[in-house]
């Protein structure tokens, strides 16, 4: 019996053949399995794909174990994981220390940071995980660092504003491109097989001579591609603006819930992707919520407070939702 595979299967197969990482190959293989019709003609192909998934799962596990032993695995916590990336002595460790409780080693000589150092940054009522990384150019950790950055929710490129800024950005972007990590900016064509990631440019050391001129050069060159923020981690300048830029760069929203007849809990928001609907919010709480949801009442983004809305209503940051099942 012929397999009669649809065109979508062959598109997924192309992605499988182009993939280099085991996680990418597994995702493509699982998509192929989902698309494949199930009958006697596909039984053998089904078994082959299952064997390949098992093989690449073992490979992914070995890679994960290696990264964990080397200190290059950080469990994601909070509303998002943000990697601080940059050349040596741009002040990444100083920034981490300034906005979290982490105590990284801070020194004027290069390559002080040799592994990943996490810390939790509070923005209003949200906790966001920041991770300091070894500087770009640290050859001993290049592969492990690249694998880590591919899983980040946001990459914050830290620049020293007391030095020529454009070459710092271009060197960092080139390193990321070599690691197959590209900016997710909505304007640039993404290379097949690459890892598009949201990015933020952080101009640090704005208290030093020449920083104002370099900041203007940075804005002129990159404002159309990336969000930018100017700070001095050492002097504490612009840190609230940095926190807000990180939150906005994660492309998330906070949604608060309430039960009928009670006040909303404004201390523990749900974290959702920007553009999420009432139905998706209900499903994130529990699948039964979505299945049994009749309607919701929303305060904030409705035409009026306490508006009754359907599952398809798109939520906004700060909305309060009351689910009715």
C-alpha atoms as a PDB file:
ATOM      1  CA  UNK A   1       0.000   0.000   0.000  1.00  0.00           C
ATOM      2  CA  UNK A   2       1.490   3.416  -0.944  1.00  0.00           C
ATOM      3  CA  UNK A   3       2.163   5.883   1.851  1.00  0.00           C
ATOM      4  CA  UNK A   4       0.386   8.821   0.109  1.00  0.00           C
ATOM      5  CA  UNK A   5       2.278  11.403   2.152  1.00  0.00           C
ATOM      6  CA  UNK A   6       0.974  15.014   1.973  1.00  0.00           C
ATOM      7  CA  UNK A   7       3.175  17.996   0.889  1.00  0.00           C
ATOM      8  CA  UNK A   8       3.439  19.193   4.529  1.00  0.00           C
ATOM      9  CA  UNK A   9       5.266  15.976   5.381  1.00  0.00           C
ATOM     10  CA  UNK A  10       7.993  16.671   2.826  1.00  0.00           C
ATOM     11  CA  UNK A  11       8.352  20.252   4.083  1.00  0.00           C
ATOM     12  CA  UNK A  12       8.946  18.897   7.597  1.00  0.00           C
ATOM     13  CA  UNK A  13      11.381  16.348   6.145  1.00  0.00           C
ATOM     14  CA  UNK A  14      13.387  19.197   4.564  1.00  0.00           C
ATOM     15  CA  UNK A  15      13.617  20.881   7.979  1.00  0.00           C
ATOM     16  CA  UNK A  16      14.755  17.575   9.456  1.00  0.00           C
ATOM     17  CA  UNK A  17      17.551  17.208   6.898  1.00  0.00           C
ATOM     18  CA  UNK A  18      18.648  20.836   7.378  1.00  0.00           C
ATOM     19  CA  UNK A  19      18.642  20.587  11.190  1.00  0.00           C
ATOM     20  CA  UNK A  20      21.977  20.324  12.968  1.00  0.00           C
ATOM     21  CA  UNK A  21      20.967  20.057  16.601  1.00  0.00           C
ATOM     22  CA  UNK A  22      19.223  16.963  18.046  1.00  0.00           C
ATOM     23  CA  UNK A  23      16.404  19.084  19.462  1.00  0.00           C
ATOM     24  CA  UNK A  24      15.683  20.507  15.991  1.00  0.00           C
ATOM     25  CA  UNK A  25      15.703  17.050  14.428  1.00  0.00           C
ATOM     26  CA  UNK A  26      13.344  15.689  17.090  1.00  0.00           C
ATOM     27  CA  UNK A  27      10.890  18.563  16.526  1.00  0.00           C
ATOM     28  CA  UNK A  28      10.873  17.948  12.753  1.00  0.00           C
ATOM     29  CA  UNK A  29      10.493  14.176  13.183  1.00  0.00           C
ATOM     30  CA  UNK A  30       7.585  14.596  15.583  1.00  0.00           C
ATOM     31  CA  UNK A  31       5.911  16.935  13.092  1.00  0.00           C
ATOM     32  CA  UNK A  32       6.407  14.316  10.361  1.00  0.00           C
ATOM     33  CA  UNK A  33       4.779  11.702  12.594  1.00  0.00           C
ATOM     34  CA  UNK A  34       1.826  13.971  13.332  1.00  0.00           C
ATOM     35  CA  UNK A  35       1.253  14.734   9.649  1.00  0.00           C
ATOM     36  CA  UNK A  36       1.716  11.167   8.397  1.00  0.00           C
ATOM     37  CA  UNK A  37      -1.498   9.232   7.685  1.00  0.00           C
ATOM     38  CA  UNK A  38      -1.757   6.022   9.713  1.00  0.00           C
ATOM     39  CA  UNK A  39      -2.378   2.855   7.714  1.00  0.00           C
ATOM     40  CA  UNK A  40      -0.502  -0.302   6.708  1.00  0.00           C
ATOM     41  CA  UNK A  41       1.455   1.554   4.039  1.00  0.00           C
ATOM     42  CA  UNK A  42       3.089   3.825   6.642  1.00  0.00           C
ATOM     43  CA  UNK A  43       3.769   1.250   9.381  1.00  0.00           C
ATOM     44  CA  UNK A  44       7.433   0.770   8.420  1.00  0.00           C
ATOM     45  CA  UNK A  45       8.063   4.524   8.027  1.00  0.00           C
ATOM     46  CA  UNK A  46       6.364   5.125  11.377  1.00  0.00           C
ATOM     47  CA  UNK A  47       8.770   2.673  13.060  1.00  0.00           C
ATOM     48  CA  UNK A  48      11.803   4.287  11.367  1.00  0.00           C
ATOM     49  CA  UNK A  49      10.810   7.765  12.566  1.00  0.00           C
ATOM     50  CA  UNK A  50      10.275   6.467  16.098  1.00  0.00           C
ATOM     51  CA  UNK A  51      13.759   4.920  16.072  1.00  0.00           C
ATOM     52  CA  UNK A  52      15.265   8.206  14.908  1.00  0.00           C
ATOM     53  CA  UNK A  53      13.451  10.143  17.636  1.00  0.00           C
ATOM     54  CA  UNK A  54      14.816   7.730  20.245  1.00  0.00           C
ATOM     55  CA  UNK A  55      18.332   8.091  18.843  1.00  0.00           C
ATOM     56  CA  UNK A  56      18.288  11.896  18.846  1.00  0.00           C
ATOM     57  CA  UNK A  57      16.633  11.982  22.279  1.00  0.00           C
ATOM     58  CA  UNK A  58      19.614  10.065  23.664  1.00  0.00           C
ATOM     59  CA  UNK A  59      21.960  12.482  21.912  1.00  0.00           C
ATOM     60  CA  UNK A  60      20.098  15.462  23.379  1.00  0.00           C
ATOM     61  CA  UNK A  61      20.313  13.909  26.852  1.00  0.00           C
ATOM     62  CA  UNK A  62      24.091  13.494  26.510  1.00  0.00           C
ATOM     63  CA  UNK A  63      24.448  17.108  25.406  1.00  0.00           C
ATOM     64  CA  UNK A  64      22.321  18.252  28.328  1.00  0.00           C
ATOM     65  CA  UNK A  65      24.404  16.212  30.793  1.00  0.00           C
ATOM     66  CA  UNK A  66      27.646  17.670  29.406  1.00  0.00           C
ATOM     67  CA  UNK A  67      26.332  21.218  29.695  1.00  0.00           C
ATOM     68  CA  UNK A  68      25.110  20.614  33.246  1.00  0.00           C
ATOM     69  CA  UNK A  69      28.477  19.238  34.396  1.00  0.00           C
ATOM     70  CA  UNK A  70      30.255  22.235  32.894  1.00  0.00           C
ATOM     71  CA  UNK A  71      27.942  24.714  34.633  1.00  0.00           C
ATOM     72  CA  UNK A  72      26.197  25.682  31.378  1.00  0.00           C
ATOM     73  CA  UNK A  73      22.695  24.676  32.259  1.00  0.00           C
ATOM     74  CA  UNK A  74      20.493  27.085  34.193  1.00  0.00           C
ATOM     75  CA  UNK A  75      16.925  26.059  34.946  1.00  0.00           C
ATOM     76  CA  UNK A  76      14.533  28.729  33.698  1.00  0.00           C
ATOM     77  CA  UNK A  77      12.732  30.562  36.514  1.00  0.00           C
ATOM     78  CA  UNK A  78      10.364  33.491  36.732  1.00  0.00           C
ATOM     79  CA  UNK A  79       8.669  35.232  33.827  1.00  0.00           C
ATOM     80  CA  UNK A  80      11.529  34.705  31.399  1.00  0.00           C
ATOM     81  CA  UNK A  81      15.224  33.921  30.984  1.00  0.00           C
ATOM     82  CA  UNK A  82      17.442  36.784  29.816  1.00  0.00           C
ATOM     83  CA  UNK A  83      21.072  36.201  28.831  1.00  0.00           C
ATOM     84  CA  UNK A  84      23.572  39.056  29.257  1.00  0.00           C
ATOM     85  CA  UNK A  85      25.998  38.861  26.319  1.00  0.00           C
ATOM     86  CA  UNK A  86      28.934  41.029  25.291  1.00  0.00           C
ATOM     87  CA  UNK A  87      32.653  41.464  24.858  1.00  0.00           C
ATOM     88  CA  UNK A  88      35.062  41.428  27.790  1.00  0.00           C
ATOM     89  CA  UNK A  89      34.797  44.285  30.309  1.00  0.00           C
ATOM     90  CA  UNK A  90      31.482  45.682  29.096  1.00  0.00           C
ATOM     91  CA  UNK A  91      30.106  45.474  32.645  1.00  0.00           C
ATOM     92  CA  UNK A  92      27.745  42.495  32.415  1.00  0.00           C
ATOM     93  CA  UNK A  93      28.664  41.224  35.869  1.00  0.00           C
ATOM     94  CA  UNK A  94      28.299  44.713  37.356  1.00  0.00           C
ATOM     95  CA  UNK A  95      24.832  44.947  35.809  1.00  0.00           C
ATOM     96  CA  UNK A  96      23.800  41.561  37.205  1.00  0.00           C
ATOM     97  CA  UNK A  97      24.968  42.609  40.675  1.00  0.00           C
ATOM     98  CA  UNK A  98      23.153  45.964  40.399  1.00  0.00           C
ATOM     99  CA  UNK A  99      19.686  44.570  39.629  1.00  0.00           C
ATOM    100  CA  UNK A 100      19.683  41.154  41.364  1.00  0.00           C
ATOM    101  CA  UNK A 101      20.873  39.559  44.597  1.00  0.00           C
ATOM    102  CA  UNK A 102      23.578  37.628  42.723  1.00  0.00           C
ATOM    103  CA  UNK A 103      27.221  38.259  43.678  1.00  0.00           C
ATOM    104  CA  UNK A 104      29.341  37.639  40.577  1.00  0.00           C
ATOM    105  CA  UNK A 105      33.083  38.221  40.517  1.00  0.00           C
ATOM    106  CA  UNK A 106      33.722  41.729  39.199  1.00  0.00           C
ATOM    107  CA  UNK A 107      37.167  42.780  37.984  1.00  0.00           C
ATOM    108  CA  UNK A 108      38.822  45.041  35.416  1.00  0.00           C
ATOM    109  CA  UNK A 109      40.714  42.221  33.746  1.00  0.00           C
ATOM    110  CA  UNK A 110      38.975  40.268  30.941  1.00  0.00           C
ATOM    111  CA  UNK A 111      37.277  36.857  31.141  1.00  0.00           C
ATOM    112  CA  UNK A 112      36.450  37.064  34.847  1.00  0.00           C
ATOM    113  CA  UNK A 113      33.192  35.198  34.238  1.00  0.00           C
ATOM    114  CA  UNK A 114      33.919  31.604  33.209  1.00  0.00           C
ATOM    115  CA  UNK A 115      30.497  30.015  33.608  1.00  0.00           C
ATOM    116  CA  UNK A 116      26.829  31.017  33.835  1.00  0.00           C
ATOM    117  CA  UNK A 117      25.762  33.091  36.847  1.00  0.00           C
ATOM    118  CA  UNK A 118      21.994  33.542  37.392  1.00  0.00           C
ATOM    119  CA  UNK A 119      20.108  36.117  39.423  1.00  0.00           C
ATOM    120  CA  UNK A 120      16.470  37.123  39.834  1.00  0.00           C
ATOM    121  CA  UNK A 121      15.485  40.687  38.923  1.00  0.00           C
ATOM    122  CA  UNK A 122      12.226  42.149  40.181  1.00  0.00           C
ATOM    123  CA  UNK A 123      10.211  44.382  37.869  1.00  0.00           C
ATOM    124  CA  UNK A 124       7.120  45.648  39.655  1.00  0.00           C
ATOM    125  CA  UNK A 125       5.313  42.401  40.590  1.00  0.00           C
ATOM    126  CA  UNK A 126       7.255  40.106  38.244  1.00  0.00           C
ATOM    127  CA  UNK A 127      10.480  38.148  38.773  1.00  0.00           C
ATOM    128  CA  UNK A 128      12.733  37.810  35.709  1.00  0.00           C
ATOM    129  CA  UNK A 129      15.811  35.607  35.515  1.00  0.00           C
ATOM    130  CA  UNK A 130      19.028  37.302  34.338  1.00  0.00           C
ATOM    131  CA  UNK A 131      22.076  35.188  33.501  1.00  0.00           C
ATOM    132  CA  UNK A 132      25.607  36.544  33.198  1.00  0.00           C
ATOM    133  CA  UNK A 133      27.669  34.698  30.580  1.00  0.00           C
ATOM    134  CA  UNK A 134      31.369  34.405  29.739  1.00  0.00           C
ATOM    135  CA  UNK A 135      32.444  37.147  27.319  1.00  0.00           C
ATOM    136  CA  UNK A 136      32.238  36.696  23.584  1.00  0.00           C
ATOM    137  CA  UNK A 137      35.656  35.457  22.499  1.00  0.00           C
ATOM    138  CA  UNK A 138      36.087  32.977  25.352  1.00  0.00           C
ATOM    139  CA  UNK A 139      36.980  30.107  22.982  1.00  0.00           C
ATOM    140  CA  UNK A 140      36.958  27.359  25.621  1.00  0.00           C
ATOM    141  CA  UNK A 141      33.210  27.701  26.205  1.00  0.00           C
ATOM    142  CA  UNK A 142      31.998  28.724  22.739  1.00  0.00           C
ATOM    143  CA  UNK A 143      29.941  25.616  21.920  1.00  0.00           C
ATOM    144  CA  UNK A 144      28.363  25.315  25.371  1.00  0.00           C
ATOM    145  CA  UNK A 145      27.527  29.028  25.444  1.00  0.00           C
ATOM    146  CA  UNK A 146      25.993  28.895  21.971  1.00  0.00           C
ATOM    147  CA  UNK A 147      23.682  26.038  22.991  1.00  0.00           C
ATOM    148  CA  UNK A 148      22.603  27.966  26.080  1.00  0.00           C
ATOM    149  CA  UNK A 149      21.846  31.183  24.201  1.00  0.00           C
ATOM    150  CA  UNK A 150      19.671  29.354  21.679  1.00  0.00           C
ATOM    151  CA  UNK A 151      17.182  28.629  24.459  1.00  0.00           C
ATOM    152  CA  UNK A 152      17.058  32.165  25.898  1.00  0.00           C
ATOM    153  CA  UNK A 153      13.830  34.162  25.886  1.00  0.00           C
ATOM    154  CA  UNK A 154      15.793  37.382  25.376  1.00  0.00           C
ATOM    155  CA  UNK A 155      19.437  38.201  24.642  1.00  0.00           C
ATOM    156  CA  UNK A 156      20.642  41.501  26.119  1.00  0.00           C
ATOM    157  CA  UNK A 157      23.789  42.657  24.288  1.00  0.00           C
ATOM    158  CA  UNK A 158      25.800  44.810  26.698  1.00  0.00           C
ATOM    159  CA  UNK A 159      28.029  47.526  25.172  1.00  0.00           C
ATOM    160  CA  UNK A 160      30.681  49.696  26.832  1.00  0.00           C
ATOM    161  CA  UNK A 161      29.737  53.280  25.890  1.00  0.00           C
ATOM    162  CA  UNK A 162      33.193  54.580  26.746  1.00  0.00           C
ATOM    163  CA  UNK A 163      34.558  52.622  23.759  1.00  0.00           C
ATOM    164  CA  UNK A 164      33.687  52.634  20.062  1.00  0.00           C
ATOM    165  CA  UNK A 165      30.184  51.081  20.091  1.00  0.00           C
ATOM    166  CA  UNK A 166      29.503  49.927  16.528  1.00  0.00           C
ATOM    167  CA  UNK A 167      32.373  47.466  16.353  1.00  0.00           C
ATOM    168  CA  UNK A 168      31.279  45.970  19.692  1.00  0.00           C
ATOM    169  CA  UNK A 169      27.758  45.360  18.396  1.00  0.00           C
ATOM    170  CA  UNK A 170      28.948  43.975  15.069  1.00  0.00           C
ATOM    171  CA  UNK A 171      31.481  41.663  16.720  1.00  0.00           C
ATOM    172  CA  UNK A 172      28.796  40.314  19.036  1.00  0.00           C
ATOM    173  CA  UNK A 173      26.243  39.889  16.241  1.00  0.00           C
ATOM    174  CA  UNK A 174      28.840  38.134  14.088  1.00  0.00           C
ATOM    175  CA  UNK A 175      29.623  35.717  16.931  1.00  0.00           C
ATOM    176  CA  UNK A 176      25.904  35.043  17.346  1.00  0.00           C
ATOM    177  CA  UNK A 177      25.476  34.489  13.608  1.00  0.00           C
ATOM    178  CA  UNK A 178      28.309  31.958  13.670  1.00  0.00           C
ATOM    179  CA  UNK A 179      26.371  30.209  16.445  1.00  0.00           C
ATOM    180  CA  UNK A 180      23.287  30.338  14.161  1.00  0.00           C
ATOM    181  CA  UNK A 181      21.509  32.831  16.432  1.00  0.00           C
ATOM    182  CA  UNK A 182      19.856  35.742  14.627  1.00  0.00           C
ATOM    183  CA  UNK A 183      17.839  38.771  15.780  1.00  0.00           C
ATOM    184  CA  UNK A 184      14.078  38.353  15.727  1.00  0.00           C
ATOM    185  CA  UNK A 185      13.245  41.892  14.625  1.00  0.00           C
ATOM    186  CA  UNK A 186      10.473  41.360  12.075  1.00  0.00           C
ATOM    187  CA  UNK A 187      12.498  43.036   9.326  1.00  0.00           C
ATOM    188  CA  UNK A 188      15.299  40.610   8.537  1.00  0.00           C
ATOM    189  CA  UNK A 189      14.901  37.377   6.589  1.00  0.00           C
ATOM    190  CA  UNK A 190      15.689  34.497   8.950  1.00  0.00           C
ATOM    191  CA  UNK A 191      18.199  31.933   7.681  1.00  0.00           C
ATOM    192  CA  UNK A 192      16.769  28.379   7.589  1.00  0.00           C
ATOM    193  CA  UNK A 193      18.170  26.307  10.465  1.00  0.00           C
ATOM    194  CA  UNK A 194      18.978  29.345  12.598  1.00  0.00           C
ATOM    195  CA  UNK A 195      17.613  30.286  16.024  1.00  0.00           C
ATOM    196  CA  UNK A 196      15.787  33.642  15.911  1.00  0.00           C
ATOM    197  CA  UNK A 197      15.872  35.359  19.306  1.00  0.00           C
ATOM    198  CA  UNK A 198      14.583  38.664  20.663  1.00  0.00           C
ATOM    199  CA  UNK A 199      17.428  41.025  21.460  1.00  0.00           C
ATOM    200  CA  UNK A 200      17.984  44.225  23.453  1.00  0.00           C
ATOM    201  CA  UNK A 201      20.957  46.598  23.169  1.00  0.00           C
ATOM    202  CA  UNK A 202      22.205  47.879  26.530  1.00  0.00           C
ATOM    203  CA  UNK A 203      24.644  50.798  26.444  1.00  0.00           C
ATOM    204  CA  UNK A 204      26.503  50.567  29.768  1.00  0.00           C
ATOM    205  CA  UNK A 205      28.937  53.017  31.458  1.00  0.00           C
ATOM    206  CA  UNK A 206      27.053  56.142  30.396  1.00  0.00           C
ATOM    207  CA  UNK A 207      28.812  57.973  33.234  1.00  0.00           C
ATOM    208  CA  UNK A 208      32.198  57.886  31.455  1.00  0.00           C
ATOM    209  CA  UNK A 209      33.768  60.329  29.017  1.00  0.00           C
ATOM    210  CA  UNK A 210      32.602  60.005  25.423  1.00  0.00           C
ATOM    211  CA  UNK A 211      29.526  57.977  26.352  1.00  0.00           C
ATOM    212  CA  UNK A 212      26.984  60.554  25.128  1.00  0.00           C
ATOM    213  CA  UNK A 213      28.447  60.690  21.631  1.00  0.00           C
ATOM    214  CA  UNK A 214      28.736  56.916  21.446  1.00  0.00           C
ATOM    215  CA  UNK A 215      25.155  56.487  22.640  1.00  0.00           C
ATOM    216  CA  UNK A 216      23.922  58.730  19.813  1.00  0.00           C
ATOM    217  CA  UNK A 217      25.945  56.688  17.311  1.00  0.00           C
ATOM    218  CA  UNK A 218      24.424  53.503  18.712  1.00  0.00           C
ATOM    219  CA  UNK A 219      20.894  54.870  18.443  1.00  0.00           C
ATOM    220  CA  UNK A 220      21.457  56.178  14.931  1.00  0.00           C
ATOM    221  CA  UNK A 221      22.751  52.809  13.723  1.00  0.00           C
ATOM    222  CA  UNK A 222      20.445  50.336  15.479  1.00  0.00           C
ATOM    223  CA  UNK A 223      17.261  52.019  16.748  1.00  0.00           C
ATOM    224  CA  UNK A 224      15.296  50.645  13.771  1.00  0.00           C
ATOM    225  CA  UNK A 225      16.435  47.081  14.537  1.00  0.00           C
ATOM    226  CA  UNK A 226      16.549  46.750  18.332  1.00  0.00           C
ATOM    227  CA  UNK A 227      15.129  48.337  21.471  1.00  0.00           C
ATOM    228  CA  UNK A 228      17.939  50.232  23.243  1.00  0.00           C
ATOM    229  CA  UNK A 229      18.540  51.466  26.778  1.00  0.00           C
ATOM    230  CA  UNK A 230      21.367  53.560  28.252  1.00  0.00           C
ATOM    231  CA  UNK A 231      22.606  52.777  31.789  1.00  0.00           C
ATOM    232  CA  UNK A 232      25.468  52.962  34.236  1.00  0.00           C
ATOM    233  CA  UNK A 233      25.444  49.781  36.295  1.00  0.00           C
ATOM    234  CA  UNK A 234      28.172  51.151  38.551  1.00  0.00           C
ATOM    235  CA  UNK A 235      26.384  54.445  39.286  1.00  0.00           C
ATOM    236  CA  UNK A 236      22.846  53.004  39.218  1.00  0.00           C
ATOM    237  CA  UNK A 237      21.717  55.157  36.308  1.00  0.00           C
ATOM    238  CA  UNK A 238      18.874  53.974  34.067  1.00  0.00           C
ATOM    239  CA  UNK A 239      18.311  50.700  35.912  1.00  0.00           C
ATOM    240  CA  UNK A 240      14.534  51.117  36.140  1.00  0.00           C
ATOM    241  CA  UNK A 241      14.469  51.858  32.411  1.00  0.00           C
ATOM    242  CA  UNK A 242      16.570  48.718  31.879  1.00  0.00           C
ATOM    243  CA  UNK A 243      14.112  46.595  33.864  1.00  0.00           C
ATOM    244  CA  UNK A 244      11.179  47.924  31.853  1.00  0.00           C
ATOM    245  CA  UNK A 245      13.018  47.377  28.557  1.00  0.00           C
ATOM    246  CA  UNK A 246      13.741  43.772  29.563  1.00  0.00           C
ATOM    247  CA  UNK A 247      10.101  43.186  30.481  1.00  0.00           C
ATOM    248  CA  UNK A 248       8.898  44.663  27.201  1.00  0.00           C
ATOM    249  CA  UNK A 249      11.548  42.730  25.279  1.00  0.00           C
ATOM    250  CA  UNK A 250      10.197  39.423  26.616  1.00  0.00           C
ATOM    251  CA  UNK A 251       6.949  40.081  24.730  1.00  0.00           C
ATOM    252  CA  UNK A 252       4.792  39.008  27.667  1.00  0.00           C
ATOM    253  CA  UNK A 253       1.824  40.369  29.602  1.00  0.00           C
ATOM    254  CA  UNK A 254       0.582  40.096  33.176  1.00  0.00           C
ATOM    255  CA  UNK A 255      -3.000  39.027  33.747  1.00  0.00           C
ATOM    256  CA  UNK A 256      -4.683  38.908  37.151  1.00  0.00           C
ATOM    257  CA  UNK A 257      -7.529  36.591  38.073  1.00  0.00           C
ATOM    258  CA  UNK A 258     -10.498  36.874  40.381  1.00  0.00           C
ATOM    259  CA  UNK A 259     -13.329  34.603  41.427  1.00  0.00           C
ATOM    260  CA  UNK A 260     -16.935  35.846  41.274  1.00  0.00           C
ATOM    261  CA  UNK A 261     -17.838  37.903  44.292  1.00  0.00           C
ATOM    262  CA  UNK A 262     -14.263  38.459  45.500  1.00  0.00           C
ATOM    263  CA  UNK A 263     -11.473  40.921  44.882  1.00  0.00           C
ATOM    264  CA  UNK A 264      -8.760  40.289  42.322  1.00  0.00           C
ATOM    265  CA  UNK A 265      -5.420  38.902  43.475  1.00  0.00           C
ATOM    266  CA  UNK A 266      -3.007  41.608  42.324  1.00  0.00           C
ATOM    267  CA  UNK A 267       0.081  40.009  43.869  1.00  0.00           C
ATOM    268  CA  UNK A 268       0.541  36.938  41.694  1.00  0.00           C
ATOM    269  CA  UNK A 269      -0.124  37.585  37.989  1.00  0.00           C
ATOM    270  CA  UNK A 270      -0.352  34.972  35.278  1.00  0.00           C
ATOM    271  CA  UNK A 271       2.422  35.435  32.713  1.00  0.00           C
ATOM    272  CA  UNK A 272       1.239  35.008  29.132  1.00  0.00           C
ATOM    273  CA  UNK A 273       2.619  35.726  25.686  1.00  0.00           C
ATOM    274  CA  UNK A 274       1.541  39.056  24.231  1.00  0.00           C
ATOM    275  CA  UNK A 275      -1.519  38.497  22.061  1.00  0.00           C
ATOM    276  CA  UNK A 276      -2.907  35.688  24.220  1.00  0.00           C
ATOM    277  CA  UNK A 277      -6.674  35.209  24.352  1.00  0.00           C
ATOM    278  CA  UNK A 278      -9.044  34.531  27.227  1.00  0.00           C
ATOM    279  CA  UNK A 279      -9.228  30.907  26.079  1.00  0.00           C
ATOM    280  CA  UNK A 280      -5.439  30.521  26.157  1.00  0.00           C
ATOM    281  CA  UNK A 281      -5.348  32.065  29.629  1.00  0.00           C
ATOM    282  CA  UNK A 282      -7.964  29.589  30.820  1.00  0.00           C
ATOM    283  CA  UNK A 283      -6.056  26.672  29.282  1.00  0.00           C
ATOM    284  CA  UNK A 284      -2.837  27.749  31.006  1.00  0.00           C
ATOM    285  CA  UNK A 285      -4.624  27.432  34.344  1.00  0.00           C
ATOM    286  CA  UNK A 286      -6.068  24.006  33.564  1.00  0.00           C
ATOM    287  CA  UNK A 287      -7.308  22.297  30.418  1.00  0.00           C
ATOM    288  CA  UNK A 288     -10.698  21.741  32.066  1.00  0.00           C
ATOM    289  CA  UNK A 289     -11.066  25.506  32.449  1.00  0.00           C
ATOM    290  CA  UNK A 290     -10.856  25.913  28.683  1.00  0.00           C
ATOM    291  CA  UNK A 291     -13.187  23.032  27.918  1.00  0.00           C
ATOM    292  CA  UNK A 292     -15.831  24.145  30.412  1.00  0.00           C
ATOM    293  CA  UNK A 293     -15.444  27.926  30.030  1.00  0.00           C
ATOM    294  CA  UNK A 294     -18.735  29.610  29.132  1.00  0.00           C
ATOM    295  CA  UNK A 295     -17.479  33.191  29.166  1.00  0.00           C
ATOM    296  CA  UNK A 296     -15.212  35.566  31.046  1.00  0.00           C
ATOM    297  CA  UNK A 297     -15.545  39.040  32.481  1.00  0.00           C
ATOM    298  CA  UNK A 298     -12.632  41.417  31.873  1.00  0.00           C
ATOM    299  CA  UNK A 299     -11.568  44.624  33.555  1.00  0.00           C
ATOM    300  CA  UNK A 300      -8.970  46.659  31.682  1.00  0.00           C
ATOM    301  CA  UNK A 301      -8.995  45.991  27.947  1.00  0.00           C
ATOM    302  CA  UNK A 302     -12.755  45.803  27.422  1.00  0.00           C
ATOM    303  CA  UNK A 303     -14.840  48.676  26.109  1.00  0.00           C
ATOM    304  CA  UNK A 304     -15.926  49.108  29.713  1.00  0.00           C
ATOM    305  CA  UNK A 305     -14.872  47.570  33.028  1.00  0.00           C
ATOM    306  CA  UNK A 306     -16.578  44.287  33.815  1.00  0.00           C
ATOM    307  CA  UNK A 307     -17.279  43.520  30.161  1.00  0.00           C
ATOM    308  CA  UNK A 308     -18.405  40.004  29.302  1.00  0.00           C
ATOM    309  CA  UNK A 309     -16.123  38.530  26.615  1.00  0.00           C
ATOM    310  CA  UNK A 310     -15.646  35.301  24.662  1.00  0.00           C
ATOM    311  CA  UNK A 311     -12.703  32.903  24.564  1.00  0.00           C
ATOM    312  CA  UNK A 312     -11.274  34.777  21.581  1.00  0.00           C
ATOM    313  CA  UNK A 313     -10.918  38.121  23.385  1.00  0.00           C
ATOM    314  CA  UNK A 314      -7.271  39.283  23.247  1.00  0.00           C
ATOM    315  CA  UNK A 315      -5.924  40.230  26.667  1.00  0.00           C
ATOM    316  CA  UNK A 316      -3.707  43.212  27.482  1.00  0.00           C
ATOM    317  CA  UNK A 317      -1.074  43.776  30.141  1.00  0.00           C
ATOM    318  CA  UNK A 318      -2.689  44.393  33.524  1.00  0.00           C
ATOM    319  CA  UNK A 319      -6.101  42.934  32.670  1.00  0.00           C
ATOM    320  CA  UNK A 320      -8.203  41.336  35.393  1.00  0.00           C
ATOM    321  CA  UNK A 321     -10.141  38.244  34.314  1.00  0.00           C
ATOM    322  CA  UNK A 322     -13.016  36.447  35.994  1.00  0.00           C
ATOM    323  CA  UNK A 323     -13.691  33.010  34.496  1.00  0.00           C
ATOM    324  CA  UNK A 324     -17.211  31.542  34.420  1.00  0.00           C
ATOM    325  CA  UNK A 325     -17.595  27.817  33.842  1.00  0.00           C
END
